[in-house]
N, C-alpha and C. Protein backbone atom coordinates (compact mmCIF):
# COMPACT_ATOMS: atom_id res chain seq x y z
N THR A 1 64.08 118.24 44.31
CA THR A 1 65.14 118.04 44.82
C THR A 1 66.18 117.29 44.61
N GLN A 2 65.68 115.96 44.41
CA GLN A 2 66.27 115.14 43.86
C GLN A 2 67.30 115.28 43.40
N THR A 3 66.96 116.17 41.72
CA THR A 3 67.65 116.29 41.08
C THR A 3 68.72 117.56 41.28
N ILE A 4 68.76 118.26 42.13
CA ILE A 4 70.01 118.71 42.99
C ILE A 4 70.45 118.11 43.34
N ILE A 5 70.15 117.19 44.20
CA ILE A 5 71.52 115.93 44.88
C ILE A 5 72.11 115.27 43.79
N ASP A 6 71.35 114.39 42.46
CA ASP A 6 71.86 114.19 41.79
C ASP A 6 73.27 114.92 41.03
N THR A 7 72.94 116.18 40.61
CA THR A 7 73.55 117.19 40.38
C THR A 7 74.68 117.47 40.71
N ILE A 8 74.91 117.25 42.22
CA ILE A 8 76.00 117.47 43.22
C ILE A 8 76.87 116.19 43.28
N LYS A 9 76.16 115.53 43.44
CA LYS A 9 77.04 113.96 43.69
C LYS A 9 77.93 114.01 42.11
N LYS A 10 77.55 114.72 41.28
CA LYS A 10 78.55 115.00 39.93
C LYS A 10 79.69 115.27 40.39
N ILE A 11 79.85 116.14 40.99
CA ILE A 11 81.11 117.29 41.73
C ILE A 11 81.85 116.26 42.45
N PRO A 12 83.19 116.35 42.24
CA PRO A 12 83.93 115.43 43.24
C PRO A 12 83.83 116.35 44.53
N GLU A 13 84.00 115.04 45.71
CA GLU A 13 83.55 115.67 47.40
C GLU A 13 85.14 116.48 47.61
N ASN A 14 85.97 116.34 46.89
CA ASN A 14 86.95 117.19 47.61
C ASN A 14 87.19 118.62 46.96
N LYS A 15 86.51 118.93 45.92
CA LYS A 15 86.16 119.99 45.22
C LYS A 15 84.97 120.69 45.71
N LEU A 16 84.08 119.98 46.60
CA LEU A 16 82.34 120.64 46.74
C LEU A 16 82.62 121.11 48.03
N VAL A 17 82.07 122.36 48.00
CA VAL A 17 81.90 123.61 49.18
C VAL A 17 80.53 123.70 49.17
N LEU A 18 79.70 123.69 50.04
CA LEU A 18 78.03 123.58 50.49
C LEU A 18 77.88 124.70 51.24
N LEU A 19 77.41 126.05 50.87
CA LEU A 19 76.97 126.93 51.81
C LEU A 19 75.39 127.25 52.34
N ASP A 20 75.31 127.90 52.93
CA ASP A 20 74.04 128.10 53.60
C ASP A 20 72.80 127.42 54.20
N LYS A 21 72.33 126.67 53.15
CA LYS A 21 71.26 125.32 53.42
C LYS A 21 72.23 123.77 53.60
N ASN A 22 71.37 123.51 54.68
CA ASN A 22 71.86 122.05 55.35
C ASN A 22 71.21 120.84 53.73
N LEU A 23 71.72 120.36 53.53
CA LEU A 23 71.03 119.30 52.35
C LEU A 23 71.06 118.31 53.02
N GLU A 24 70.05 118.16 53.61
CA GLU A 24 70.67 116.55 54.54
C GLU A 24 70.58 115.31 53.37
N GLN A 25 69.76 114.92 52.15
CA GLN A 25 69.36 114.20 51.56
C GLN A 25 70.80 113.95 50.93
N TYR A 26 71.82 114.92 51.22
CA TYR A 26 73.31 114.40 50.61
C TYR A 26 73.97 114.25 51.58
N THR A 27 74.59 112.92 51.17
CA THR A 27 75.28 112.36 52.33
C THR A 27 76.53 111.95 51.84
N GLY A 28 77.16 112.93 50.86
CA GLY A 28 78.41 112.80 50.68
C GLY A 28 79.18 113.52 51.62
N ASP A 29 80.69 113.49 52.01
CA ASP A 29 81.81 114.02 52.59
C ASP A 29 82.57 115.11 52.02
N CYS A 30 82.01 116.24 52.58
CA CYS A 30 82.54 117.43 51.89
C CYS A 30 82.59 118.77 52.94
N ALA A 31 83.24 119.74 52.68
CA ALA A 31 82.59 121.08 53.47
C ALA A 31 81.59 121.46 53.07
N ALA A 32 80.89 121.88 54.46
CA ALA A 32 79.66 122.24 54.61
C ALA A 32 79.33 123.29 55.11
N ILE A 33 79.24 124.94 55.03
CA ILE A 33 78.63 125.73 55.99
C ILE A 33 77.15 125.73 56.00
N PHE A 34 76.49 125.76 56.77
CA PHE A 34 75.12 126.13 56.98
C PHE A 34 74.33 126.90 57.90
N GLN A 35 73.07 127.33 58.15
CA GLN A 35 71.85 127.51 58.74
C GLN A 35 71.71 126.45 58.96
N ASP A 36 70.91 126.49 60.16
CA ASP A 36 69.48 125.75 60.72
C ASP A 36 68.79 126.83 61.11
N PHE A 37 68.00 127.09 59.63
CA PHE A 37 67.22 128.20 59.86
C PHE A 37 66.11 127.68 60.89
N GLU A 38 65.18 126.33 60.93
CA GLU A 38 64.43 126.51 62.23
C GLU A 38 65.06 126.84 63.40
N ARG A 39 66.01 126.18 63.93
CA ARG A 39 66.36 126.07 65.56
C ARG A 39 67.07 127.86 65.28
N ASP A 40 67.79 128.20 64.49
CA ASP A 40 68.23 130.03 64.54
C ASP A 40 67.34 130.89 64.81
N ILE A 41 66.22 130.63 64.19
CA ILE A 41 65.02 131.66 64.02
C ILE A 41 64.71 131.57 65.87
N ASN A 42 64.13 130.54 66.10
CA ASN A 42 64.07 129.92 67.66
C ASN A 42 64.54 130.84 68.75
N SER A 43 66.35 130.17 68.26
CA SER A 43 67.07 130.66 69.89
C SER A 43 67.08 132.49 69.44
N ALA A 44 67.44 133.22 68.39
CA ALA A 44 67.54 134.48 67.98
C ALA A 44 66.02 134.96 69.08
N LEU A 45 64.68 134.29 68.71
CA LEU A 45 63.61 135.18 69.51
C LEU A 45 64.09 134.75 71.13
N HIS A 46 64.42 133.69 71.22
CA HIS A 46 64.24 133.33 72.75
C HIS A 46 65.59 134.67 73.62
N SER A 47 66.68 135.07 72.74
CA SER A 47 67.83 135.42 73.09
C SER A 47 67.09 137.35 72.89
N GLY A 48 66.01 137.56 72.48
CA GLY A 48 65.49 138.55 72.80
C GLY A 48 63.63 138.39 73.30
N ILE A 49 63.76 137.78 74.10
CA ILE A 49 62.49 137.24 74.95
C ILE A 49 62.28 138.80 75.77
N ASP A 50 62.93 139.36 76.64
CA ASP A 50 62.83 140.63 77.39
C ASP A 50 62.37 141.65 76.63
N LEU A 51 63.07 141.72 75.42
CA LEU A 51 61.91 143.06 74.67
C LEU A 51 60.77 142.26 73.90
N LEU A 52 60.65 141.34 73.63
CA LEU A 52 59.31 140.87 73.14
C LEU A 52 58.31 140.78 73.75
N TYR A 53 58.36 140.89 75.09
CA TYR A 53 57.22 140.52 75.91
C TYR A 53 56.60 141.77 76.21
N LYS A 54 57.25 142.99 75.91
CA LYS A 54 56.12 144.28 75.81
C LYS A 54 54.74 144.34 74.57
N TYR A 55 55.17 143.19 73.64
CA TYR A 55 53.85 143.09 72.34
C TYR A 55 53.21 141.94 72.91
N THR A 56 52.17 142.23 72.19
CA THR A 56 51.30 140.89 72.64
C THR A 56 50.73 139.85 71.52
N GLN A 57 51.76 140.31 70.36
CA GLN A 57 51.21 139.83 69.32
C GLN A 57 52.70 139.62 68.36
N LEU A 58 53.03 138.51 68.04
CA LEU A 58 54.09 138.53 67.07
C LEU A 58 53.73 138.20 65.17
N ILE A 59 54.17 138.80 64.56
CA ILE A 59 53.63 138.41 63.03
C ILE A 59 55.08 138.21 62.08
N LEU A 60 55.11 136.66 61.47
CA LEU A 60 55.93 136.95 60.59
C LEU A 60 55.63 137.09 59.37
N VAL A 61 56.28 138.00 58.29
CA VAL A 61 55.46 138.65 56.95
C VAL A 61 56.73 137.54 56.40
N PHE A 62 56.32 136.43 55.42
CA PHE A 62 57.02 135.67 55.13
C PHE A 62 56.45 135.30 53.47
N PRO A 63 56.93 136.12 52.54
CA PRO A 63 56.46 136.50 51.17
C PRO A 63 55.98 134.64 50.66
N LYS A 64 54.90 134.20 50.03
CA LYS A 64 55.07 133.32 49.39
C LYS A 64 55.50 133.20 47.97
N ASP A 65 55.64 133.97 47.15
CA ASP A 65 56.21 134.06 46.07
C ASP A 65 57.82 133.95 45.80
N ILE A 66 58.50 134.08 47.06
CA ILE A 66 59.85 133.81 46.85
C ILE A 66 60.27 132.54 47.96
N GLN A 67 61.79 132.19 47.17
CA GLN A 67 61.59 130.69 48.16
C GLN A 67 62.37 130.95 49.08
N TYR A 68 61.76 131.16 49.97
CA TYR A 68 61.96 130.96 51.57
C TYR A 68 61.90 130.07 52.39
N PRO A 69 63.13 129.58 53.09
CA PRO A 69 63.05 128.40 53.64
C PRO A 69 62.02 128.12 54.46
N ILE A 70 60.86 127.29 54.08
CA ILE A 70 59.85 127.14 55.50
C ILE A 70 60.12 126.63 56.81
N GLU A 71 61.64 126.43 57.19
CA GLU A 71 61.80 126.04 58.21
C GLU A 71 61.54 127.21 58.64
N ILE A 72 61.80 128.47 58.66
CA ILE A 72 62.03 129.82 59.22
C ILE A 72 60.53 130.18 59.77
N VAL A 73 59.45 129.26 59.37
CA VAL A 73 58.28 129.75 59.96
C VAL A 73 57.94 128.43 60.73
N LYS A 74 58.17 127.06 60.73
CA LYS A 74 58.48 126.25 61.50
C LYS A 74 58.64 126.84 63.08
N GLY A 75 60.25 127.09 63.08
CA GLY A 75 61.04 127.93 63.80
C GLY A 75 60.05 128.80 64.67
N PHE A 76 59.31 129.72 63.83
CA PHE A 76 58.97 130.84 64.33
C PHE A 76 57.51 130.22 65.43
N LYS A 77 56.93 129.41 64.73
CA LYS A 77 55.76 128.95 65.15
C LYS A 77 56.25 128.00 66.65
N ASN A 78 57.37 127.51 66.50
CA ASN A 78 57.84 126.88 67.70
C ASN A 78 58.04 127.84 68.84
N PHE A 79 58.87 128.78 68.46
CA PHE A 79 59.06 129.47 69.44
C PHE A 79 57.26 130.18 70.27
N CYS A 80 56.51 131.00 69.49
CA CYS A 80 55.39 131.23 69.68
C CYS A 80 54.66 129.94 70.76
N HIS A 81 54.63 128.67 70.24
CA HIS A 81 53.91 128.13 71.24
C HIS A 81 54.94 127.72 72.59
N GLU A 82 56.20 127.61 72.57
CA GLU A 82 56.61 127.73 73.38
C GLU A 82 56.69 128.59 74.53
N THR A 83 56.30 130.11 74.33
CA THR A 83 56.31 131.40 75.04
C THR A 83 54.75 131.62 74.99
N SER A 84 53.96 130.92 74.20
CA SER A 84 52.59 131.43 74.21
C SER A 84 51.89 133.11 73.70
N PHE A 85 53.05 133.09 72.57
CA PHE A 85 53.09 135.10 72.37
C PHE A 85 51.73 134.00 71.11
N GLU A 86 50.44 135.41 71.04
CA GLU A 86 49.54 135.19 69.81
C GLU A 86 50.56 135.52 68.95
N HIS A 87 50.28 134.90 67.33
CA HIS A 87 50.94 134.86 66.24
C HIS A 87 50.28 134.41 65.02
N ARG A 88 50.53 135.26 64.23
CA ARG A 88 50.05 135.37 62.89
C ARG A 88 51.58 134.86 61.71
N VAL A 89 51.48 134.34 60.91
CA VAL A 89 52.07 134.55 59.82
C VAL A 89 51.04 134.83 58.39
N ILE A 90 51.94 136.67 57.59
CA ILE A 90 51.16 136.37 56.36
C ILE A 90 52.27 136.66 55.62
N ASP A 91 51.46 137.06 54.33
CA ASP A 91 52.20 136.90 53.09
C ASP A 91 53.26 138.12 52.98
N GLY A 92 52.47 139.71 52.89
CA GLY A 92 52.97 140.79 53.01
C GLY A 92 52.52 141.77 53.84
N ILE A 93 53.26 142.71 53.85
CA ILE A 93 52.70 143.71 54.49
C ILE A 93 51.95 144.89 53.36
N ASP A 94 51.93 144.92 52.64
CA ASP A 94 51.29 145.90 51.72
C ASP A 94 49.64 146.28 51.85
N GLU A 95 49.00 145.49 52.22
CA GLU A 95 47.97 145.35 52.21
C GLU A 95 46.93 145.29 54.03
N GLU A 96 48.17 144.76 54.48
CA GLU A 96 47.87 144.47 56.23
C GLU A 96 47.73 146.12 56.80
N PRO A 97 47.14 146.01 57.60
CA PRO A 97 47.07 147.35 58.94
C PRO A 97 48.08 146.75 59.88
N ILE A 98 48.72 147.89 59.97
CA ILE A 98 49.70 147.21 61.67
C ILE A 98 48.60 147.77 62.64
N ALA A 99 49.63 146.82 63.66
CA ALA A 99 48.30 147.01 65.14
C ALA A 99 49.67 147.65 65.77
N GLU A 100 48.99 148.47 67.11
CA GLU A 100 49.81 148.62 68.24
C GLU A 100 50.23 147.27 68.75
N LYS A 101 51.14 146.93 69.53
CA LYS A 101 51.78 146.07 70.61
C LYS A 101 51.85 144.85 69.82
N THR A 102 52.07 145.45 68.75
CA THR A 102 52.72 144.21 67.86
C THR A 102 53.96 144.37 67.31
N ALA A 103 55.05 143.22 67.42
CA ALA A 103 55.87 142.68 66.70
C ALA A 103 55.97 142.25 65.58
N TYR A 104 56.85 142.25 64.43
CA TYR A 104 56.47 142.26 63.10
C TYR A 104 57.60 141.68 62.81
N ILE A 105 58.05 140.46 62.29
CA ILE A 105 59.70 139.92 61.63
C ILE A 105 59.23 139.80 60.19
N VAL A 106 59.89 140.80 59.39
CA VAL A 106 60.29 140.49 58.18
C VAL A 106 61.11 140.05 57.45
N LEU A 107 61.13 139.66 56.54
CA LEU A 107 62.28 139.16 55.97
C LEU A 107 62.47 139.83 54.39
N GLU A 108 61.50 140.64 53.99
CA GLU A 108 62.11 141.18 52.71
C GLU A 108 62.26 142.64 53.03
N GLU A 109 62.94 143.59 52.08
CA GLU A 109 63.21 144.96 52.40
C GLU A 109 62.07 145.87 52.16
N THR A 110 61.23 145.32 51.27
CA THR A 110 60.40 146.05 50.65
C THR A 110 59.54 146.00 51.93
N ASP A 111 59.33 145.04 52.53
CA ASP A 111 57.91 145.15 53.72
C ASP A 111 58.73 145.69 54.62
N LEU A 112 60.07 145.75 54.64
CA LEU A 112 60.58 146.61 56.20
C LEU A 112 60.46 147.88 55.63
N VAL A 113 60.33 148.22 54.26
CA VAL A 113 60.23 150.10 53.99
C VAL A 113 58.61 150.43 54.49
N ASP A 114 58.21 149.42 53.79
CA ASP A 114 56.26 149.53 53.94
C ASP A 114 56.07 149.75 55.39
N LEU A 115 56.33 148.86 56.24
CA LEU A 115 56.09 148.56 57.91
C LEU A 115 56.82 150.17 58.42
N ILE A 116 57.94 150.58 57.88
CA ILE A 116 58.13 151.76 58.45
C ILE A 116 56.93 153.43 58.10
N LYS A 117 57.08 153.06 56.68
CA LYS A 117 56.45 154.57 56.10
C LYS A 117 54.87 154.00 57.29
N LYS A 118 54.33 152.66 57.14
CA LYS A 118 52.90 152.82 57.92
C LYS A 118 52.85 153.08 59.07
N SER A 119 54.32 153.05 59.65
CA SER A 119 54.17 153.16 61.34
C SER A 119 54.01 154.60 61.34
N ARG A 120 55.09 155.05 60.79
CA ARG A 120 54.75 156.68 60.37
C ARG A 120 54.03 157.54 60.04
N ALA A 121 53.16 156.88 59.55
CA ALA A 121 51.85 157.70 59.03
C ALA A 121 50.79 157.38 60.24
N GLN A 122 50.79 156.23 61.01
CA GLN A 122 49.55 156.16 62.04
C GLN A 122 50.33 156.69 63.18
N HIS A 123 51.71 157.36 63.69
CA HIS A 123 52.57 157.89 64.35
C HIS A 123 52.61 156.75 65.35
N LEU A 124 53.21 155.93 65.24
CA LEU A 124 53.64 154.52 65.81
C LEU A 124 54.88 155.04 65.97
N THR A 125 55.63 154.54 67.44
CA THR A 125 56.80 154.90 67.42
C THR A 125 57.72 153.03 67.43
N LEU A 126 58.38 152.99 67.08
CA LEU A 126 59.59 151.52 66.83
C LEU A 126 59.69 151.58 67.69
N GLY A 127 59.52 150.17 68.69
CA GLY A 127 60.39 149.93 69.27
C GLY A 127 59.79 150.07 70.92
N GLN A 128 58.60 151.09 70.56
CA GLN A 128 57.84 151.17 71.47
C GLN A 128 56.02 150.75 71.25
N ASP A 129 55.38 151.62 70.37
CA ASP A 129 53.94 151.00 70.18
C ASP A 129 54.31 150.03 69.09
N ILE A 130 55.16 149.93 68.21
CA ILE A 130 54.99 148.58 67.45
C ILE A 130 56.38 147.76 67.72
N GLY A 131 57.18 146.84 67.78
CA GLY A 131 58.70 146.11 67.20
C GLY A 131 58.43 146.14 65.76
N LEU A 132 59.98 146.03 65.96
CA LEU A 132 59.94 145.45 64.36
C LEU A 132 61.93 144.60 64.17
N ILE A 133 61.43 143.92 63.13
CA ILE A 133 62.66 142.76 63.43
C ILE A 133 63.12 142.18 61.95
N SER A 134 63.85 142.63 61.45
CA SER A 134 64.70 142.37 60.38
C SER A 134 65.54 141.36 59.70
N TYR A 135 65.33 140.45 59.41
CA TYR A 135 66.40 139.88 58.43
C TYR A 135 67.58 140.17 57.58
N ASN A 136 68.64 139.48 58.27
CA ASN A 136 69.68 139.50 57.63
C ASN A 136 70.00 141.28 58.02
N ASP A 137 71.46 141.44 58.67
CA ASP A 137 71.86 142.61 58.86
C ASP A 137 72.51 143.31 57.79
N THR A 138 72.37 144.82 58.04
CA THR A 138 73.01 145.43 56.57
C THR A 138 73.75 147.06 57.10
N PRO A 139 74.63 147.21 56.84
CA PRO A 139 75.37 148.67 57.43
C PRO A 139 73.92 149.64 56.97
N LEU A 140 73.18 149.71 56.51
CA LEU A 140 71.94 150.46 56.70
C LEU A 140 71.13 150.43 57.60
N LYS A 141 70.71 149.16 57.66
CA LYS A 141 69.43 149.04 59.25
C LYS A 141 70.41 149.21 60.20
N GLU A 142 71.69 149.76 59.96
CA GLU A 142 72.15 150.35 61.86
C GLU A 142 71.71 151.37 61.65
N ILE A 143 71.72 152.23 61.07
CA ILE A 143 70.89 153.46 61.17
C ILE A 143 69.84 154.23 60.50
N LEU A 144 69.07 153.25 60.07
CA LEU A 144 67.64 153.49 59.45
C LEU A 144 66.68 153.11 60.50
N ALA A 145 65.95 154.17 60.82
CA ALA A 145 64.74 154.55 62.05
C ALA A 145 65.89 154.46 63.07
N ASP A 146 66.89 154.98 63.02
CA ASP A 146 67.59 154.91 64.71
C ASP A 146 67.97 153.55 64.80
N GLY A 147 67.85 152.44 64.10
CA GLY A 147 68.57 151.38 64.44
C GLY A 147 67.21 150.39 63.97
N ILE A 148 67.31 149.49 63.17
CA ILE A 148 66.48 148.02 63.12
C ILE A 148 67.06 147.49 63.80
N THR A 149 66.69 146.08 64.73
CA THR A 149 66.92 145.27 65.03
C THR A 149 66.65 144.44 64.16
N VAL A 150 67.81 143.16 64.29
CA VAL A 150 67.69 142.23 62.68
C VAL A 150 68.64 140.77 63.19
N ILE A 151 67.91 139.80 63.05
CA ILE A 151 68.04 138.59 63.45
C ILE A 151 69.37 138.32 61.92
N SER A 152 70.46 137.53 62.27
CA SER A 152 71.34 137.52 61.42
C SER A 152 71.88 136.56 61.21
N THR A 153 72.39 135.27 60.09
CA THR A 153 73.43 134.61 60.36
C THR A 153 74.95 135.81 59.93
N ASP A 154 75.72 135.26 59.91
CA ASP A 154 77.48 135.92 60.12
C ASP A 154 77.70 135.55 58.89
N HIS A 155 77.27 136.28 57.86
CA HIS A 155 77.73 135.85 56.34
C HIS A 155 79.53 135.94 56.53
N GLU A 156 80.18 136.78 56.62
CA GLU A 156 81.73 137.42 56.93
C GLU A 156 82.43 135.65 57.84
N LYS A 157 81.60 135.44 58.87
CA LYS A 157 82.25 134.40 59.54
C LYS A 157 81.83 133.02 58.46
N MET A 158 80.75 132.75 57.75
CA MET A 158 80.60 131.72 56.62
C MET A 158 81.85 131.86 55.70
N GLY A 159 82.16 133.16 55.34
CA GLY A 159 83.12 133.16 54.19
C GLY A 159 84.98 132.36 54.90
N GLU A 160 84.71 133.06 55.84
CA GLU A 160 86.02 132.38 56.64
C GLU A 160 85.81 131.25 56.98
N THR A 161 84.74 130.48 57.18
CA THR A 161 84.75 129.34 57.38
C THR A 161 85.14 128.46 56.54
N ALA A 162 84.43 128.38 55.14
CA ALA A 162 84.92 128.44 53.74
C ALA A 162 85.91 128.13 53.17
N ALA A 163 86.84 129.48 53.41
CA ALA A 163 87.90 129.64 53.02
C ALA A 163 88.94 128.59 53.65
N TYR A 164 88.78 128.73 55.52
CA TYR A 164 89.23 128.01 56.19
C TYR A 164 89.43 125.93 56.05
N MET A 165 88.20 125.86 55.71
CA MET A 165 87.84 124.33 55.13
C MET A 165 88.94 124.12 53.72
N ILE A 166 88.51 125.11 53.28
CA ILE A 166 89.25 124.98 51.22
C ILE A 166 90.79 125.13 51.41
N LEU A 167 91.75 125.50 52.51
CA LEU A 167 92.58 126.02 52.73
C LEU A 167 93.21 124.69 53.23
N HIS A 168 92.67 124.35 54.54
CA HIS A 168 93.21 123.36 55.15
C HIS A 168 92.51 122.15 54.54
N LYS A 169 91.74 121.55 53.17
CA LYS A 169 91.55 120.40 53.08
C LYS A 169 90.57 119.66 53.94
N ARG A 170 89.56 120.61 54.72
CA ARG A 170 89.03 120.36 55.64
C ARG A 170 87.52 119.97 55.24
N LYS A 171 86.81 119.08 55.70
CA LYS A 171 85.32 117.98 55.60
C LYS A 171 84.29 118.34 56.57
N GLY A 172 83.14 118.07 56.59
CA GLY A 172 82.33 118.19 57.69
C GLY A 172 81.10 119.23 57.42
N LYS A 173 80.61 119.34 58.24
CA LYS A 173 79.21 120.12 57.84
C LYS A 173 79.24 120.95 59.65
N ILE A 174 79.39 122.30 59.23
CA ILE A 174 79.69 123.14 60.81
C ILE A 174 78.14 124.06 60.16
N ARG A 175 77.53 124.54 61.46
CA ARG A 175 76.49 125.47 61.50
C ARG A 175 77.18 126.88 62.04
N ASN A 176 76.92 127.71 61.19
CA ASN A 176 77.19 129.32 61.04
C ASN A 176 76.30 129.54 62.12
N PRO A 177 76.74 130.89 63.29
CA PRO A 177 76.62 131.41 64.26
C PRO A 177 75.29 132.35 63.60
N PHE A 178 74.05 132.31 64.24
CA PHE A 178 72.83 132.87 63.88
C PHE A 178 72.61 133.84 65.13
N THR A 179 72.45 135.32 64.96
CA THR A 179 72.35 136.15 66.38
C THR A 179 71.28 137.15 65.79
N LEU A 180 70.50 137.47 67.58
CA LEU A 180 69.79 138.84 67.58
C LEU A 180 70.62 139.82 67.82
N ILE A 181 70.36 140.83 67.12
CA ILE A 181 71.51 142.15 67.45
C ILE A 181 70.34 143.24 67.76
N ARG A 182 70.81 143.60 69.20
CA ARG A 182 69.19 144.62 69.60
C ARG A 182 69.89 146.34 68.84
N ARG A 183 68.66 146.24 68.81
CA ARG A 183 68.59 148.09 67.73
C ARG A 183 67.26 148.88 68.38
N LYS A 184 67.21 149.82 68.38
CA LYS A 184 66.30 150.85 68.52
C LYS A 184 64.89 149.79 68.45
N SER A 185 64.43 149.49 67.41
CA SER A 185 63.04 149.30 66.63
C SER A 185 62.44 148.01 67.44
N LEU A 186 63.19 147.36 68.44
CA LEU A 186 62.10 146.71 69.41
C LEU A 186 62.55 146.98 70.62
C-alpha cells in the first residue's frame, strides 16, 4: 500500500480525484468520494433487520481469490454480534450445501447464479425458505428470480459527485450513499 500512496503523491492534488476506497494513509488535500465498506454493510443490514429476522443464520460468501475489502467481513461480523445472529463467512457457494432459514450475502455473480440454481434444485423459495442479498445493483437483478435484494453504493451518485467536485474545483472527502434495496429474494 505504501507504494500506491507514494505513486499517488506524485499526482498534483488539484488534478487528483480518488474514487471508491478511502485511503486513510493518504493525507493530501484532493477530491475523494469513497465507500465506508465496514460501516456500509453494517448499516444496510440493520435497515433490513425486519426481513432478516425470519432467518436463523447469515452467511457471507467472501471469495478469497478476489481482492475485496476485508472491511466488508468486519462490518458483517459486527452486525451479527450486535444482533446475535448465528453467522459464517465462506469462500464460495459451489461446494457448500444451502440450508433453509439461512440468508446468504454474495459478492460475486457466479455465487449468485450458483445459489439460485441450488435453491431451485432443492425446491427452496427465495425470500421464504432462504434469503439472498447480492452486492451492487444491476438492472438484471431487478428482474432475476422476481427480484434480487441488493446492498449497493450509488455508483451514479459517485460519478455526479466527482463531476461536481471537478467542475467546482472542490476538495475534501465525501462518503458515498449505500443502501439496501428490498426485493423478493429476502
